[in-house]
Protein backbone atom coordinates (compact mmCIF):
# COMPACT_ATOMS: atom_id res chain seq x y z
CA MET A 1 17.20 1.75 -1.42
CA LEU A 2 17.34 -0.38 1.43
CA ASP A 3 20.39 -2.73 1.78
CA LEU A 4 19.30 -6.24 1.41
CA THR A 5 22.83 -7.59 1.42
CA SER A 6 23.69 -6.64 5.02
CA LEU A 7 23.95 -9.24 7.83
CA HIS A 8 20.73 -8.07 9.59
CA CYS A 9 17.23 -7.10 8.60
CA PRO A 10 17.18 -3.26 7.65
CA LEU A 11 13.86 -2.84 9.66
CA CYS A 12 14.60 -4.67 12.91
CA LYS A 13 18.25 -5.09 12.83
CA GLN A 14 17.70 -8.42 14.54
CA HIS A 15 18.25 -11.33 12.03
CA SER A 16 19.59 -12.05 8.69
CA LEU A 17 17.16 -12.22 5.76
CA LEU A 18 16.29 -15.63 4.38
CA LYS A 19 15.67 -16.14 0.74
CA GLN A 20 12.36 -17.91 -0.02
CA THR A 21 12.13 -20.68 -2.53
CA GLN A 22 8.63 -19.84 -3.70
CA VAL A 23 8.63 -17.58 -6.83
CA CYS A 24 6.15 -14.56 -6.80
CA PRO A 25 5.09 -13.36 -10.35
CA ASP A 26 4.04 -10.10 -11.30
CA TYR A 27 0.34 -10.53 -12.51
CA LEU A 28 0.84 -8.04 -15.22
CA THR A 29 4.12 -8.96 -16.99
CA LYS A 30 4.52 -12.49 -15.46
CA HIS A 31 8.09 -11.55 -14.42
CA PRO A 32 9.13 -13.82 -11.39
CA PHE A 33 10.41 -12.26 -8.15
CA THR A 34 11.77 -13.85 -4.99
CA LEU A 35 11.30 -12.67 -1.57
CA LEU A 36 13.51 -12.21 1.51
CA HIS A 37 12.04 -12.79 4.98
CA CYS A 38 13.05 -11.74 8.35
CA PRO A 39 12.03 -14.20 10.95
CA THR A 40 12.10 -11.58 13.78
CA CYS A 41 9.72 -8.81 12.53
CA ASP A 42 8.13 -11.37 9.98
CA CYS A 43 8.44 -8.66 7.22
CA TYR A 44 9.25 -9.63 3.40
CA PHE A 45 11.28 -7.82 0.84
CA THR A 46 11.10 -7.90 -2.91
CA GLN A 47 14.53 -8.91 -4.22
CA ASP A 48 15.72 -7.12 -7.40
CA ASN A 49 16.52 -10.05 -9.76
CA LEU A 50 15.60 -8.05 -12.86
CA THR A 51 17.82 -8.27 -15.93
CA THR A 52 18.93 -4.92 -17.56
CA THR A 53 16.43 -5.01 -20.01
CA ASP A 54 13.47 -5.59 -17.52
CA HIS A 55 14.79 -2.38 -15.63
CA HIS A 56 13.44 -0.16 -18.53
CA ILE A 57 9.85 -1.62 -18.09
CA ASP A 58 7.41 0.70 -16.50
CA TYR A 59 5.71 -1.35 -13.86
CA TYR A 60 3.45 1.49 -13.09
CA GLY A 61 2.19 1.93 -16.63
CA PRO A 62 -1.30 2.45 -18.09
CA THR A 63 -2.28 -1.28 -17.46
CA TYR A 64 -1.74 -0.57 -13.79
CA TYR A 65 -3.18 2.91 -13.32
CA ASN A 66 -5.57 2.37 -16.33
CA SER A 67 -6.26 6.12 -17.06
CA LYS A 68 -6.04 9.51 -15.48
CA GLY A 69 -9.86 9.46 -15.24
CA GLY A 70 -9.95 6.42 -12.87
CA LYS A 71 -8.15 3.22 -11.95
CA PHE A 72 -11.42 1.42 -12.37
CA SER A 73 -14.63 1.47 -14.30
CA PRO A 74 -16.81 4.60 -13.53
CA TRP A 75 -19.25 3.02 -11.04
CA ILE A 76 -16.59 1.24 -9.20
CA GLU A 77 -14.32 4.24 -9.15
CA GLN A 78 -17.13 6.23 -7.49
CA ILE A 79 -17.37 3.62 -4.70
CA PHE A 80 -13.57 4.07 -3.99
CA ARG A 81 -14.18 7.80 -4.20
CA LEU A 82 -16.74 7.90 -1.51
CA ASN A 83 -14.82 5.53 0.66
CA HIS A 84 -11.96 7.95 0.58
CA GLN A 85 -14.03 10.69 1.44
CA ARG A 86 -15.21 8.89 4.35
CA ASN A 87 -11.73 8.12 5.43
CA ALA A 88 -10.93 11.79 5.05
CA ALA A 89 -13.85 12.71 7.38
CA GLN A 90 -12.75 10.19 9.92
CA PHE A 91 -9.26 11.59 9.84
CA TYR A 92 -10.76 15.18 10.43
CA GLN A 93 -13.08 13.94 13.18
CA LYS A 94 -10.09 12.30 15.11
CA PHE A 95 -7.34 14.82 14.75
CA HIS A 96 -8.74 18.17 13.58
CA PRO A 97 -5.51 18.95 11.78
CA GLN A 98 -4.71 22.42 10.27
CA SER A 99 -2.17 21.10 7.98
CA VAL A 100 -1.91 17.52 6.30
CA LEU A 101 0.68 16.01 4.18
CA GLU A 102 -0.07 12.75 2.19
CA ILE A 103 2.71 10.71 0.73
CA GLY A 104 1.71 9.36 -2.73
CA CYS A 105 -1.88 10.88 -3.05
CA GLY A 106 -2.78 9.35 -6.34
CA ARG A 107 -5.88 10.92 -7.52
CA ALA A 108 -6.12 12.94 -4.23
CA TYR A 109 -9.59 11.90 -3.32
CA ILE A 110 -8.53 12.12 0.53
CA LEU A 111 -6.69 15.43 0.30
CA ARG A 112 -9.46 16.99 -1.66
CA GLU A 113 -12.11 16.19 1.06
CA LEU A 114 -9.75 17.51 3.78
CA LYS A 115 -9.26 20.63 1.79
CA GLN A 116 -13.02 21.17 1.76
CA LEU A 117 -12.93 20.74 5.49
CA GLY A 118 -10.58 23.62 5.81
CA CYS A 119 -7.11 21.77 6.02
CA GLU A 120 -4.04 23.17 4.31
CA VAL A 121 -3.08 20.01 2.20
CA TYR A 122 0.11 19.14 0.38
CA CYS A 123 0.96 15.85 -1.46
CA LEU A 124 4.66 14.50 -1.90
CA GLU A 125 5.26 12.68 -5.06
CA SER A 126 8.05 11.11 -7.09
CA GLY A 127 9.22 13.09 -9.97
CA THR A 128 8.55 9.93 -12.25
CA ALA A 129 4.70 10.05 -11.33
CA ALA A 130 2.43 10.44 -14.09
CA ASP A 131 1.72 13.93 -15.23
CA TRP A 132 -1.89 13.89 -14.24
CA ILE A 133 -0.65 13.26 -10.76
CA LEU A 134 2.07 15.89 -10.64
CA ASN A 135 -0.16 18.39 -12.20
CA ASN A 136 -3.33 17.94 -9.96
CA PRO A 137 -5.06 21.36 -10.02
CA THR A 138 -6.70 20.99 -6.72
CA VAL A 139 -3.95 20.11 -4.14
CA ASN A 140 -0.42 21.11 -3.86
CA VAL A 141 1.91 18.45 -5.26
CA VAL A 142 5.40 18.79 -4.40
CA SER A 143 8.38 16.51 -6.10
CA PRO A 144 11.69 17.15 -4.44
CA PRO A 145 14.80 16.06 -6.44
CA PRO A 146 15.99 12.55 -5.57
CA ASN A 147 18.06 11.95 -2.55
CA GLN A 148 17.13 15.27 -0.96
CA GLY A 149 15.25 16.04 2.23
CA TRP A 150 11.53 16.77 2.23
CA PRO A 151 11.01 20.71 1.26
CA PHE A 152 8.93 21.46 4.26
CA PRO A 153 9.70 23.33 7.57
CA ALA A 154 10.38 21.21 10.46
CA ASN A 155 7.55 20.32 12.94
CA TYR A 156 5.02 21.88 10.61
CA PHE A 157 2.20 19.27 9.81
CA GLN A 158 -0.48 18.10 12.09
CA LEU A 159 -1.07 15.02 10.29
CA ILE A 160 0.88 12.70 7.90
CA ILE A 161 -0.87 10.00 5.79
CA PHE A 162 0.86 6.99 4.19
CA TRP A 163 -2.22 5.38 2.59
CA HIS A 164 -1.06 2.10 0.94
CA VAL A 165 2.18 3.84 0.00
CA LEU A 166 4.81 2.78 2.51
CA GLU A 167 5.25 -0.61 0.86
CA HIS A 168 5.95 1.03 -2.41
CA LEU A 169 8.80 3.17 -1.17
CA PRO A 170 12.50 2.04 -1.99
CA ASP A 171 13.48 3.01 1.56
CA PRO A 172 10.46 3.54 3.97
CA VAL A 173 12.85 3.98 6.86
CA ILE A 174 14.27 7.02 5.45
CA ALA A 175 10.61 8.13 4.53
CA LEU A 176 9.59 7.69 8.03
CA GLN A 177 12.68 9.66 9.34
CA GLN A 178 11.72 12.67 6.88
CA ALA A 179 8.11 12.29 8.14
CA THR A 180 9.21 12.55 11.85
CA THR A 181 11.17 15.68 11.09
CA VAL A 182 8.26 17.55 9.46
CA LEU A 183 5.57 16.31 11.86
CA ALA A 184 4.97 18.48 14.95
CA PRO A 185 5.43 17.15 18.33
CA GLU A 186 2.35 15.33 19.69
CA ALA A 187 0.96 15.30 15.96
CA PHE A 188 -0.29 12.27 14.32
CA LEU A 189 0.76 9.78 11.67
CA CYS A 190 -1.59 7.49 9.80
CA LEU A 191 -0.12 4.46 7.99
CA SER A 192 -2.19 1.88 6.10
CA VAL A 193 -0.51 -1.17 4.39
CA PRO A 194 -1.19 -4.89 3.38
CA ASN A 195 -0.38 -7.21 6.16
CA ILE A 196 1.79 -10.08 4.89
CA ALA A 197 1.17 -12.01 8.38
CA SER A 198 -2.57 -12.04 7.67
CA LEU A 199 -4.70 -15.18 7.16
CA GLN A 200 -5.52 -14.20 3.53
CA ALA A 201 -1.98 -13.65 2.88
CA LYS A 202 -0.85 -17.23 4.18
CA LEU A 203 -3.68 -18.78 2.18
CA GLY A 204 -1.88 -18.64 -1.17
CA PHE A 205 1.19 -16.43 -0.46
CA ALA A 206 2.41 -15.99 -4.11
CA THR A 207 -1.19 -15.73 -5.53
CA TRP A 208 -2.25 -13.30 -2.62
CA PHE A 209 -4.30 -10.21 -4.20
CA HIS A 210 -2.05 -7.63 -1.92
CA LEU A 211 1.30 -9.06 -2.71
CA ASP A 212 1.48 -7.02 -5.90
CA VAL A 213 5.33 -7.41 -6.84
CA PRO A 214 7.46 -5.70 -7.82
CA ARG A 215 5.48 -2.53 -6.94
CA HIS A 216 5.34 -3.55 -3.37
CA LEU A 217 9.06 -3.60 -2.50
CA LEU A 218 8.37 -4.25 1.26
CA HIS A 219 5.80 -6.45 2.73
CA PHE A 220 4.88 -5.44 6.37
CA SER A 221 3.45 -7.57 8.96
CA LYS A 222 1.40 -5.88 11.74
CA HIS A 223 4.05 -6.55 14.21
CA GLY A 224 6.90 -5.45 12.13
CA LEU A 225 5.45 -1.94 11.35
CA ILE A 226 4.55 -1.48 15.11
CA GLU A 227 8.10 -2.19 16.06
CA LEU A 228 9.42 0.18 13.35
CA LEU A 229 7.09 2.98 14.58
CA LYS A 230 8.27 2.45 18.14
CA GLN A 231 11.98 2.60 16.99
CA HIS A 232 11.16 6.12 15.75
CA HIS A 233 9.70 7.15 18.99
CA TYR A 234 6.02 7.10 18.13
CA GLU A 235 3.24 6.20 20.45
CA ILE A 236 0.78 3.70 18.99
CA LEU A 237 -2.84 5.10 19.41
CA GLU A 238 -4.72 2.45 17.56
CA VAL A 239 -4.28 -0.61 15.21
CA THR A 240 -7.26 -1.52 13.25
CA SER A 241 -8.51 -2.87 10.01
CA GLY A 242 -7.12 -1.18 7.06
CA ASP A 243 -10.14 -0.93 4.87
CA ALA A 244 -13.26 -3.14 4.74
CA ILE A 245 -13.29 -2.92 0.89
CA GLN A 246 -9.74 -3.87 0.55
CA ASN A 247 -9.86 -6.58 3.09
CA LEU A 248 -13.07 -8.13 1.43
CA TYR A 249 -11.95 -8.07 -2.02
CA GLY A 250 -8.43 -9.39 -0.89
CA TRP A 251 -10.22 -12.51 0.31
CA PHE A 252 -12.34 -12.75 -2.98
CA GLN A 253 -9.66 -12.27 -5.51
CA SER A 254 -7.05 -14.25 -3.60
CA LEU A 255 -9.38 -17.34 -3.47
CA ALA A 256 -10.12 -16.96 -6.94
CA ASN A 257 -6.54 -16.95 -7.88
CA LEU A 258 -6.03 -20.16 -6.35
CA PHE A 259 -7.98 -21.68 -9.51
CA THR A 260 -5.65 -19.86 -11.86
CA PRO A 261 -2.34 -19.68 -10.24
CA HIS A 262 -0.40 -18.86 -13.41
CA ASP A 263 -2.78 -16.20 -14.50
CA THR A 264 -3.93 -14.20 -11.30
CA ASN A 265 -6.03 -11.16 -10.82
CA ALA A 266 -8.19 -11.88 -14.03
CA LEU A 267 -11.40 -10.71 -12.37
CA TYR A 268 -9.80 -7.53 -10.75
CA ARG A 269 -8.50 -6.48 -14.33
CA PHE A 270 -11.96 -7.15 -15.67
CA LEU A 271 -13.65 -4.86 -12.94
CA GLN A 272 -11.11 -1.98 -13.84
CA GLY A 273 -12.26 -1.76 -17.30
CA GLY A 274 -10.29 0.22 -20.01
CA ILE A 275 -7.03 -0.59 -20.71
CA ALA A 276 -6.58 -3.19 -17.96
CA ARG A 277 -9.50 -5.27 -19.10
CA SER A 278 -7.92 -5.51 -22.46
CA THR A 279 -5.13 -7.35 -20.97
CA VAL A 280 -7.24 -10.17 -19.47
CA ALA A 281 -7.05 -13.75 -20.99
CA LYS A 282 -10.56 -15.14 -21.39
CA ILE A 283 -9.92 -18.74 -20.02
CA PRO A 284 -8.60 -17.54 -16.48
CA LEU A 285 -11.25 -14.93 -16.29
CA LEU A 286 -14.04 -17.58 -17.16
CA ILE A 287 -12.57 -20.04 -14.64
CA GLN A 288 -12.74 -17.15 -11.77
CA LEU A 289 -16.17 -16.31 -12.82
CA LEU A 290 -17.53 -19.95 -12.74
CA THR A 291 -15.81 -20.82 -9.42
CA VAL A 292 -17.70 -17.78 -7.69
CA VAL A 293 -19.81 -20.29 -5.88
CA ILE A 294 -16.95 -21.54 -4.10
CA TRP A 295 -14.73 -18.52 -3.47
CA LEU A 296 -17.63 -16.10 -2.58
CA PRO A 297 -18.86 -17.88 0.53
CA LEU A 298 -15.37 -18.70 1.62
CA GLY A 299 -14.26 -15.18 1.18
CA LEU A 300 -17.01 -13.95 3.29
CA LEU A 301 -16.22 -16.67 6.02
CA GLY A 302 -12.51 -15.63 5.82
CA TYR A 303 -13.41 -11.98 6.30
CA VAL A 304 -15.54 -12.62 9.29
CA ILE A 305 -12.70 -14.70 10.94
CA GLU A 306 -10.28 -12.05 10.12
CA GLU A 307 -12.46 -9.38 11.73
CA LEU A 308 -12.91 -11.44 14.71
CA SER A 309 -9.16 -12.26 15.07
CA GLY A 310 -7.82 -8.92 14.31
CA ASN A 311 -5.58 -10.39 11.93
CA TYR A 312 -6.59 -8.23 9.02
CA GLY A 313 -5.38 -8.47 5.32
CA THR A 314 -4.73 -4.74 5.56
CA VAL A 315 -3.91 -2.74 8.63
CA THR A 316 -4.15 0.85 9.65
CA ILE A 317 -2.11 2.14 12.38
CA TYR A 318 -2.76 5.74 13.96
CA ALA A 319 0.43 6.95 15.87
CA LYS A 320 1.42 10.01 17.78
CA LYS A 321 4.94 11.68 17.60
CA LYS A 322 6.29 11.97 21.16
CA SER A 323 7.31 15.41 22.22
CA THR A 324 10.81 14.45 23.01
CA THR A 325 11.38 13.37 19.33
CA VAL A 326 13.58 15.99 17.50
């Protein structure tokens, strides 16, 4: 776990963390959380202010993952499946890796596609993940004991993927160090995260769709993540939009949340279907649906501005491990 009590930011080591006055609630449990901010790297950290009782709550329960069949209703899940297949094809075309490790693969849509393309694929997961994640029949899922190194040979993988996972990890610095150890020299790292310094994040901040406290423990800025990679001797190859679907929907839901600031992501939970839909309050959902004539065109405009400025709601960075790194 990152030390948030030290005198300096645990990422850039340049500035002390400043406690934010704005409270950020979990959209599922409504539990309030505060964030700590580093003015130098512009990253934020979710402060653990839970009570002893709250620590027993599973913030990754069925209302978050929905079901092992999919996080969304079938037709939306199919869109995400096809999108991940497209991402996997792009990874293969860019890097032609023989062996791939993904950290936190979820339903393993990316790894399944890479396996079909001939790659040797592995997934690294927490031992507390759901059984249907740990027992995936199509990919090799490895779950090392806590506080132990990753159980792979040094310099083994040609590609390591953190696809919207780094922000969930209790210590992303150690995770990046472990990744550097098992990644081959001149091989590639792909990271995709929400961008806390983006235009859509600044719009409402506490109601930003991609904030997702307390599951997101660290909230990266594009600048902060680039500097962290450089600290670990990576060459930055490309900085691009994280995912068009996530960026566009981030605008829509974040704008809709402004109309229901005390009950956010109602439309998102409705679109998920299943268990998640059963938790949606009718009045916030109705308000978000009725205000579509406002947030839809504004969201499209925001998306275009974001694309033109390069200040994306989610950002993907491709980096190469320098050959001098041990």
